[in-house]
Amino acid sequence: MSTLKAFLKDVPVEWKALGELAILKRGRVMSKNYLIENIGSYPVYSSQTANDGKIGEIKTFDFEGEFLTWTTDGANAGTIFYRQGKFSITNVCGLVEIKAPTSLSYKFLYYWLNIESKNHVYAGMGNPKLMSHQMEKIQIPIPYPNDPEKSLAVQQEIVRVLDSLSEQNKALTTALAQEIDQRKKQYEYYREELFRFEGKEVEWKTLGEIFEFKNGINKGKEFFGKGDKIINYTDVFRNSKIFEENILGKVETTESDIQRFNCRRGDVFFTRTSETKDEIGFASVLLSDIDICVFSGFLIRARPLTNLLFPEYCSYCFATDLIRKKIISSSNMTTRVTTTGSILAKIEIPIPSIQEQERIVHLLDQFDEATKNIVAQLEKEIELRNKQYEYYRNLLLSFPN
């Protein structure tokens, strides 16, 4: 870095708006049916950031060569991608085409915009956006503006170092992410083993025999944000166990609401509706006694009718592959995926003795805690590695205003 700082010392810089340096374009509308009907080998990129932004492949392409694309809408608006080859983009994806590639490096611009673009995202109305008219205002530093050949040489040297740093960081964080994945799979393996009851004394019962089902409260959005505690969809989706401190949502209720939609320790809640089958029927058990608490209309409450179940046992049992597959396969799949109390009532679960349930819970509590601690340490290491990379990247791209 000291060598590079000396290399960049006293380098003259001119700042220019991106709109002066590049042509900004948008993609075209492509429906799911269009992607299916025109399936081929050329990638289509959209506003998502997963899978490098690719949503499909078609027979034709709209662009060929070197470009940058950016996400125009959504939570990840302003994410920049470097593209090469033949591809197409959708209408919620922007494209940057440099006017004079002999004087401005695409990779140099890519690294700069990765720092700067997020600062220009407009988050009004709850839907973050970075449109072309905002993008074109971003100021770009051009070293040696009067000598395009020297300018490009400086840019390419910066890119060379950043490519190397980026590759090292990617290799380290990928290895750490793989370790996290292996730890989670290890935990899941032992959990599944504990729920294999072949040759053991266990009774199978339908959920309808041991639970009473009820859908949650439905209120207009003006009732939310104040009042009594409410268990929401995300509380259940993110946690297999719910404690009072996890419940942050509030809603205005009546005496009738509290009587009909109350929650108590040992209640099991299922996610009732979702856009994808992978999120349907997630279960969470309430493990706190709360004076007043209701539950959302996007959930189903399963209230125990018997004392055959240890509440903590439910939190692990409903997360197993066996039960998850039963819930998913029995759900209704139309425009949205839904499940109901009558569907859940037909699903069978294993019920060993209370003593065996307590043993399983004790083992999994310990294993769960150990796994979470290790994963937290690995995630912290990834965070530190990324900060280290960003520190050197920002140092290298620090130009005088």
Protein backbone atom coordinates (compact mmCIF):
# COMPACT_ATOMS: atom_id res chain seq x y z
CA MET A 1 0.00 0.00 0.00
CA SER A 2 2.90 2.41 0.71
CA THR A 3 4.18 1.82 -2.84
CA LEU A 4 0.74 2.48 -4.28
CA LYS A 5 0.26 5.62 -2.18
CA ALA A 6 3.56 6.89 -3.55
CA PHE A 7 2.40 5.90 -7.06
CA LEU A 8 -0.81 7.93 -6.62
CA LYS A 9 0.76 10.89 -4.81
CA ASP A 10 0.07 14.23 -6.51
CA VAL A 11 -1.85 12.55 -9.34
CA PRO A 12 -4.03 15.26 -10.95
CA VAL A 13 -7.74 14.35 -10.89
CA GLU A 14 -10.77 15.77 -12.65
CA TRP A 15 -14.28 14.89 -11.48
CA LYS A 16 -16.94 14.20 -14.09
CA ALA A 17 -20.57 13.14 -13.82
CA LEU A 18 -21.26 9.56 -14.95
CA GLY A 19 -23.76 10.94 -17.46
CA GLU A 20 -20.87 12.68 -19.29
CA LEU A 21 -18.78 9.52 -19.45
CA ALA A 22 -21.33 6.81 -20.20
CA ILE A 23 -24.67 6.01 -21.80
CA LEU A 24 -27.22 4.66 -19.30
CA LYS A 25 -29.89 2.25 -20.51
CA ARG A 26 -32.67 0.07 -19.09
CA GLY A 27 -33.66 -3.45 -20.07
CA ARG A 28 -37.01 -4.70 -21.36
CA VAL A 29 -39.98 -6.40 -19.75
CA MET A 30 -39.66 -10.21 -19.72
CA SER A 31 -42.38 -12.30 -18.11
CA LYS A 32 -41.85 -15.74 -16.58
CA ASN A 33 -43.72 -17.25 -19.53
CA TYR A 34 -41.40 -15.45 -21.97
CA LEU A 35 -38.34 -16.91 -20.23
CA ILE A 36 -39.86 -20.39 -20.35
CA GLU A 37 -40.97 -20.14 -23.98
CA ASN A 38 -37.60 -18.75 -25.16
CA ILE A 39 -35.25 -20.82 -23.02
CA GLY A 40 -31.69 -20.91 -24.39
CA SER A 41 -28.07 -20.34 -23.37
CA TYR A 42 -27.73 -16.52 -23.03
CA PRO A 43 -28.19 -15.17 -19.48
CA VAL A 44 -30.88 -12.69 -18.45
CA TYR A 45 -30.09 -10.42 -15.48
CA SER A 46 -32.68 -8.67 -13.33
CA SER A 47 -32.98 -6.76 -10.03
CA GLN A 48 -32.11 -9.71 -7.79
CA THR A 49 -28.58 -10.09 -6.42
CA ALA A 50 -28.68 -13.85 -5.75
CA ASN A 51 -27.09 -16.05 -8.43
CA ASP A 52 -25.14 -13.03 -9.74
CA GLY A 53 -28.46 -11.43 -10.70
CA LYS A 54 -29.35 -14.10 -13.27
CA ILE A 55 -33.04 -15.07 -13.49
CA GLY A 56 -32.91 -17.28 -16.59
CA GLU A 57 -31.40 -17.95 -20.01
CA ILE A 58 -32.94 -17.27 -23.44
CA LYS A 59 -32.17 -17.95 -27.12
CA THR A 60 -31.21 -14.37 -28.02
CA PHE A 61 -29.13 -11.55 -26.49
CA ASP A 62 -29.51 -7.76 -26.42
CA PHE A 63 -25.94 -6.80 -25.48
CA GLU A 64 -22.49 -8.08 -26.39
CA GLY A 65 -19.17 -6.94 -24.96
CA GLU A 66 -18.03 -5.29 -21.72
CA PHE A 67 -20.57 -3.41 -19.58
CA LEU A 68 -21.69 -2.66 -16.04
CA THR A 69 -25.24 -3.33 -14.81
CA TRP A 70 -26.95 -2.10 -11.67
CA THR A 71 -30.03 -3.03 -9.65
CA THR A 72 -32.59 -0.23 -9.97
CA ASP A 73 -35.27 -1.36 -7.50
CA GLY A 74 -35.74 -3.09 -4.17
CA ALA A 75 -33.74 -3.67 -0.99
CA ASN A 76 -30.52 -4.15 -2.99
CA ALA A 77 -30.94 -1.13 -5.26
CA GLY A 78 -27.57 0.27 -6.28
CA THR A 79 -25.75 -3.07 -6.43
CA ILE A 80 -23.20 -2.97 -9.27
CA PHE A 81 -22.17 -5.91 -11.48
CA TYR A 82 -19.34 -6.23 -14.00
CA ARG A 83 -20.52 -8.01 -17.17
CA GLN A 84 -18.76 -9.52 -20.16
CA GLY A 85 -20.10 -11.48 -23.11
CA LYS A 86 -23.59 -11.83 -24.56
CA PHE A 87 -26.59 -11.22 -22.30
CA SER A 88 -29.90 -9.40 -21.79
CA ILE A 89 -31.39 -7.42 -18.89
CA THR A 90 -34.93 -6.79 -17.66
CA ASN A 91 -36.64 -3.44 -17.16
CA VAL A 92 -35.65 -3.34 -13.45
CA CYS A 93 -31.97 -3.51 -14.33
CA GLY A 94 -29.78 -0.65 -15.60
CA LEU A 95 -26.83 -0.83 -17.99
CA VAL A 96 -23.72 1.39 -18.19
CA GLU A 97 -21.94 1.70 -21.54
CA ILE A 98 -18.76 3.80 -21.43
CA LYS A 99 -18.51 6.28 -24.31
CA ALA A 100 -14.70 6.13 -24.56
CA PRO A 101 -13.36 2.78 -23.23
CA THR A 102 -9.83 3.78 -24.27
CA SER A 103 -9.75 6.43 -21.53
CA LEU A 104 -11.94 4.90 -18.80
CA SER A 105 -11.66 1.33 -17.52
CA TYR A 106 -14.88 -0.59 -16.89
CA LYS A 107 -13.31 -2.36 -13.92
CA PHE A 108 -12.08 0.96 -12.44
CA LEU A 109 -15.61 2.36 -12.79
CA TYR A 110 -17.04 -0.84 -11.29
CA TYR A 111 -14.93 -0.51 -8.14
CA TRP A 112 -15.71 3.19 -7.78
CA LEU A 113 -19.47 2.76 -8.22
CA ASN A 114 -19.46 -0.07 -5.67
CA ILE A 115 -18.43 2.56 -3.12
CA GLU A 116 -20.51 5.45 -4.34
CA SER A 117 -23.80 4.15 -5.83
CA LYS A 118 -25.44 3.22 -2.49
CA ASN A 119 -25.15 6.88 -1.43
CA HIS A 120 -27.50 7.87 -4.27
CA VAL A 121 -30.31 5.38 -3.64
CA TYR A 122 -33.67 7.04 -2.99
CA ALA A 123 -35.57 5.20 -0.26
CA GLY A 124 -38.75 7.29 -0.17
CA MET A 125 -42.17 5.55 -0.07
CA GLY A 126 -40.53 2.42 1.36
CA ASN A 127 -39.23 1.15 -2.00
CA PRO A 128 -35.52 1.93 -2.53
CA LYS A 129 -34.69 2.98 -6.10
CA LEU A 130 -31.69 4.10 -8.12
CA MET A 131 -32.96 5.38 -11.45
CA SER A 132 -30.89 6.59 -14.40
CA HIS A 133 -31.45 10.28 -13.59
CA GLN A 134 -29.92 9.70 -10.15
CA MET A 135 -27.17 7.41 -11.42
CA GLU A 136 -25.96 9.88 -14.06
CA LYS A 137 -25.19 12.50 -11.37
CA ILE A 138 -22.58 10.33 -9.59
CA GLN A 139 -19.18 12.01 -9.77
CA ILE A 140 -16.30 9.90 -11.15
CA PRO A 141 -12.59 10.72 -10.51
CA ILE A 142 -10.48 10.72 -13.68
CA PRO A 143 -6.68 10.67 -13.02
CA TYR A 144 -4.49 12.55 -15.53
CA PRO A 145 -7.54 13.91 -17.41
CA ASN A 146 -5.38 15.49 -20.12
CA ASP A 147 -3.43 12.30 -20.87
CA PRO A 148 -5.88 9.42 -21.65
CA GLU A 149 -3.08 6.86 -22.06
CA LYS A 150 -1.50 7.69 -18.69
CA SER A 151 -4.94 7.90 -17.09
CA LEU A 152 -5.82 4.40 -18.27
CA ALA A 153 -2.47 3.06 -17.03
CA VAL A 154 -3.15 4.41 -13.52
CA GLN A 155 -6.68 3.01 -13.55
CA GLN A 156 -5.44 -0.40 -14.67
CA GLU A 157 -2.82 -0.53 -11.91
CA ILE A 158 -5.50 0.28 -9.32
CA VAL A 159 -7.72 -2.44 -10.84
CA ARG A 160 -4.85 -4.96 -10.75
CA VAL A 161 -4.37 -4.46 -7.01
CA LEU A 162 -8.10 -4.44 -6.26
CA ASP A 163 -8.65 -7.60 -8.30
CA SER A 164 -5.95 -9.29 -6.23
CA LEU A 165 -7.37 -8.06 -2.91
CA SER A 166 -10.89 -8.99 -4.00
CA GLU A 167 -9.82 -12.50 -5.03
CA GLN A 168 -8.03 -13.09 -1.72
CA ASN A 169 -11.00 -11.82 0.26
CA LYS A 170 -13.43 -13.91 -1.77
CA ALA A 171 -11.37 -17.08 -1.19
CA LEU A 172 -11.20 -16.45 2.57
CA THR A 173 -14.87 -15.58 3.03
CA THR A 174 -15.97 -18.49 0.80
CA ALA A 175 -14.00 -20.91 2.97
CA LEU A 176 -15.56 -19.43 6.11
CA ALA A 177 -19.06 -19.58 4.58
CA GLN A 178 -18.51 -23.23 3.69
CA GLU A 179 -17.49 -23.94 7.28
CA ILE A 180 -20.71 -22.29 8.50
CA ASP A 181 -22.72 -24.43 6.09
CA GLN A 182 -20.97 -27.61 7.29
CA ARG A 183 -21.62 -26.76 10.94
CA LYS A 184 -25.33 -26.27 10.23
CA LYS A 185 -25.50 -29.51 8.26
CA GLN A 186 -23.75 -31.33 11.11
CA TYR A 187 -26.35 -30.04 13.57
CA GLU A 188 -29.22 -31.00 11.24
CA TYR A 189 -27.77 -34.49 10.78
CA TYR A 190 -27.75 -35.22 14.52
CA ARG A 191 -31.19 -33.68 14.97
CA GLU A 192 -32.60 -36.00 12.29
CA GLU A 193 -30.86 -38.98 13.92
CA LEU A 194 -32.53 -38.25 17.27
CA PHE A 195 -35.93 -38.34 15.55
CA ARG A 196 -35.39 -41.77 13.97
CA PHE A 197 -37.42 -44.01 16.27
CA GLU A 198 -37.03 -47.34 14.45
CA GLY A 199 -37.13 -50.13 17.04
CA LYS A 200 -38.05 -47.73 19.85
CA GLU A 201 -41.27 -47.34 21.76
CA VAL A 202 -43.06 -44.39 20.25
CA GLU A 203 -46.67 -43.52 19.44
CA TRP A 204 -47.71 -41.73 16.25
CA LYS A 205 -50.68 -39.36 16.44
CA THR A 206 -52.24 -36.87 14.04
CA LEU A 207 -51.97 -33.21 14.95
CA GLY A 208 -55.78 -33.10 14.98
CA GLU A 209 -55.77 -35.52 17.93
CA ILE A 210 -53.48 -33.37 20.06
CA PHE A 211 -54.06 -29.77 18.90
CA GLU A 212 -56.92 -27.35 18.33
CA PHE A 213 -56.31 -25.00 15.37
CA LYS A 214 -57.29 -21.37 14.89
CA ASN A 215 -56.39 -18.64 12.37
CA GLY A 216 -55.08 -15.32 13.68
CA ILE A 217 -56.39 -11.79 13.96
CA ASN A 218 -57.00 -9.59 10.90
CA LYS A 219 -56.85 -5.83 11.35
CA GLY A 220 -56.30 -2.81 9.13
CA LYS A 221 -52.78 -1.42 9.06
CA GLU A 222 -53.93 1.66 11.02
CA PHE A 223 -54.32 -0.58 14.11
CA PHE A 224 -50.68 -1.71 14.14
CA GLY A 225 -47.70 -0.12 15.87
CA LYS A 226 -49.31 0.46 19.28
CA GLY A 227 -51.34 -1.48 21.83
CA ASP A 228 -50.81 -5.09 22.88
CA LYS A 229 -48.14 -7.55 21.79
CA ILE A 230 -48.74 -9.54 18.61
CA ILE A 231 -46.82 -12.56 17.30
CA ASN A 232 -46.11 -11.89 13.63
CA TYR A 233 -45.15 -14.03 10.64
CA THR A 234 -41.46 -13.11 10.90
CA ASP A 235 -41.35 -14.04 14.61
CA VAL A 236 -42.31 -17.59 13.64
CA PHE A 237 -40.31 -17.81 10.42
CA ARG A 238 -37.06 -16.73 12.12
CA ASN A 239 -37.38 -18.56 15.45
CA SER A 240 -38.27 -22.13 16.38
CA LYS A 241 -38.80 -20.87 19.94
CA ILE A 242 -40.49 -17.59 20.84
CA PHE A 243 -39.84 -15.77 24.10
CA GLU A 244 -41.49 -12.55 25.21
CA GLU A 245 -38.41 -10.49 24.30
CA ASN A 246 -38.67 -11.74 20.68
CA ILE A 247 -42.14 -10.22 20.26
CA LEU A 248 -41.74 -6.62 19.07
CA GLY A 249 -45.00 -6.14 17.12
CA LYS A 250 -47.99 -4.32 18.63
CA VAL A 251 -51.66 -3.99 17.68
CA GLU A 252 -54.75 -2.30 19.10
CA THR A 253 -57.15 -4.96 20.40
CA THR A 254 -60.62 -5.30 21.93
CA GLU A 255 -61.71 -7.57 24.76
CA SER A 256 -63.22 -9.89 22.15
CA ASP A 257 -59.91 -9.99 20.22
CA ILE A 258 -58.02 -10.99 23.36
CA GLN A 259 -60.47 -13.77 24.16
CA ARG A 260 -60.44 -15.21 20.62
CA PHE A 261 -56.77 -14.75 19.63
CA ASN A 262 -54.92 -15.01 22.96
CA CYS A 263 -51.56 -16.77 23.26
CA ARG A 264 -50.17 -18.85 26.09
CA ARG A 265 -47.08 -20.89 26.85
CA GLY A 266 -46.97 -24.14 24.84
CA ASP A 267 -48.95 -22.80 21.87
CA VAL A 268 -47.45 -23.75 18.51
CA PHE A 269 -47.71 -21.27 15.61
CA PHE A 270 -47.46 -22.18 11.91
CA THR A 271 -46.87 -19.82 8.97
CA ARG A 272 -50.14 -20.04 7.04
CA THR A 273 -49.37 -18.52 3.64
CA SER A 274 -46.28 -17.77 1.55
CA GLU A 275 -45.10 -17.05 -1.98
CA THR A 276 -42.84 -20.11 -1.89
CA LYS A 277 -43.32 -23.63 -0.55
CA ASP A 278 -40.06 -23.40 1.41
CA GLU A 279 -41.59 -20.83 3.78
CA ILE A 280 -44.94 -22.54 4.38
CA GLY A 281 -45.76 -24.30 7.64
CA PHE A 282 -42.77 -23.10 9.62
CA ALA A 283 -43.46 -23.75 13.28
CA SER A 284 -42.49 -21.96 16.47
CA VAL A 285 -43.42 -22.64 20.09
CA LEU A 286 -44.22 -19.90 22.60
CA LEU A 287 -42.13 -20.52 25.72
CA SER A 288 -43.10 -17.46 27.79
CA ASP A 289 -46.18 -16.66 29.85
CA ILE A 290 -47.49 -13.29 28.61
CA ASP A 291 -50.42 -11.41 30.17
CA ILE A 292 -51.86 -10.11 26.89
CA CYS A 293 -50.69 -11.26 23.47
CA VAL A 294 -52.49 -12.08 20.19
CA PHE A 295 -51.27 -13.59 16.91
CA SER A 296 -51.31 -12.49 13.27
CA GLY A 297 -53.79 -13.57 10.59
CA PHE A 298 -50.84 -14.92 8.60
CA LEU A 299 -50.41 -17.59 11.27
CA ILE A 300 -52.28 -20.63 12.57
CA ARG A 301 -52.31 -21.30 16.30
CA ALA A 302 -52.13 -24.94 17.39
CA ARG A 303 -53.17 -25.18 21.04
CA PRO A 304 -52.38 -28.48 22.83
CA LEU A 305 -55.42 -30.52 23.92
CA THR A 306 -53.36 -33.02 25.94
CA ASN A 307 -50.29 -33.13 28.17
CA LEU A 308 -48.53 -35.66 25.92
CA LEU A 309 -46.11 -33.10 24.51
CA PHE A 310 -43.17 -31.33 26.09
CA PRO A 311 -43.38 -27.81 24.51
CA GLU A 312 -39.66 -27.60 23.64
CA TYR A 313 -39.94 -31.00 21.93
CA CYS A 314 -42.37 -29.46 19.42
CA SER A 315 -39.86 -26.78 18.42
CA TYR A 316 -37.41 -29.46 17.27
CA CYS A 317 -39.92 -32.01 15.96
CA PHE A 318 -41.64 -29.59 13.54
CA ALA A 319 -38.25 -28.53 12.11
CA THR A 320 -37.24 -32.07 11.05
CA ASP A 321 -37.11 -32.98 7.35
CA LEU A 322 -39.78 -35.64 7.85
CA ILE A 323 -42.41 -33.24 9.21
CA ARG A 324 -41.43 -30.31 6.96
CA LYS A 325 -41.87 -32.50 3.86
CA LYS A 326 -45.30 -33.64 5.06
CA ILE A 327 -46.43 -30.05 5.61
CA ILE A 328 -45.10 -28.83 2.25
CA SER A 329 -46.52 -31.73 0.22
CA SER A 330 -49.99 -31.37 1.78
CA SER A 331 -50.22 -27.58 1.32
CA ASN A 332 -52.35 -25.90 -1.37
CA MET A 333 -50.23 -24.50 -4.19
CA THR A 334 -51.99 -22.03 -6.51
CA THR A 335 -50.96 -18.37 -6.89
CA ARG A 336 -49.70 -18.57 -3.30
CA VAL A 337 -48.83 -21.53 -1.11
CA THR A 338 -51.23 -21.95 1.82
CA THR A 339 -51.95 -24.41 4.59
CA THR A 340 -54.94 -24.69 6.93
CA GLY A 341 -55.80 -26.20 10.29
CA SER A 342 -57.70 -29.01 8.58
CA ILE A 343 -54.63 -29.84 6.45
CA LEU A 344 -52.27 -29.76 9.42
CA ALA A 345 -54.69 -31.88 11.48
CA LYS A 346 -54.04 -34.91 9.23
CA ILE A 347 -50.24 -34.87 9.67
CA GLU A 348 -48.78 -37.49 12.01
CA ILE A 349 -45.88 -36.85 14.39
CA PRO A 350 -43.94 -39.23 16.69
CA ILE A 351 -44.69 -38.93 20.42
CA PRO A 352 -42.24 -40.81 22.65
CA SER A 353 -42.50 -40.72 26.44
CA ILE A 354 -42.11 -37.36 28.22
CA GLN A 355 -38.79 -38.60 29.61
CA GLU A 356 -37.50 -39.36 26.08
CA GLN A 357 -38.77 -35.99 24.83
CA GLU A 358 -36.87 -34.24 27.63
CA ARG A 359 -33.71 -36.20 26.79
CA ILE A 360 -33.94 -35.20 23.10
CA VAL A 361 -34.53 -31.56 24.03
CA HIS A 362 -31.60 -31.53 26.47
CA LEU A 363 -29.20 -32.91 23.83
CA LEU A 364 -30.41 -30.61 21.06
CA ASP A 365 -30.38 -27.52 23.31
CA GLN A 366 -26.70 -28.14 24.01
CA PHE A 367 -25.86 -28.88 20.38
CA ASP A 368 -27.90 -25.90 19.16
CA GLU A 369 -26.11 -23.53 21.54
CA ALA A 370 -22.66 -24.85 20.56
CA THR A 371 -23.50 -24.56 16.84
CA LYS A 372 -24.81 -21.00 17.22
CA ASN A 373 -21.66 -19.94 19.08
CA ILE A 374 -19.36 -21.36 16.41
CA VAL A 375 -21.44 -19.89 13.56
CA ALA A 376 -21.48 -16.47 15.29
CA GLN A 377 -17.67 -16.51 15.52
CA LEU A 378 -17.32 -17.49 11.86
CA GLU A 379 -19.79 -14.80 10.77
CA LYS A 380 -17.84 -12.23 12.79
CA GLU A 381 -14.65 -13.32 11.03
CA ILE A 382 -16.34 -12.85 7.63
CA GLU A 383 -17.47 -9.38 8.70
CA LEU A 384 -13.93 -8.44 9.75
CA ARG A 385 -12.44 -9.79 6.51
CA ASN A 386 -14.91 -7.72 4.46
CA LYS A 387 -14.13 -4.60 6.50
CA GLN A 388 -10.42 -5.20 5.97
CA TYR A 389 -10.95 -5.45 2.20
CA GLU A 390 -13.15 -2.32 2.15
CA TYR A 391 -10.55 -0.38 4.14
CA TYR A 392 -7.80 -1.03 1.58
CA ARG A 393 -10.18 -0.54 -1.36
CA ASN A 394 -11.32 2.84 -0.03
CA LEU A 395 -7.74 3.85 0.72
CA LEU A 396 -6.73 3.03 -2.83
CA LEU A 397 -9.69 4.93 -4.29
CA SER A 398 -9.25 7.99 -2.11
CA PHE A 399 -8.96 10.95 -4.49
CA PRO A 400 -8.86 14.65 -3.52
CA ASN A 401 -12.13 16.49 -4.08
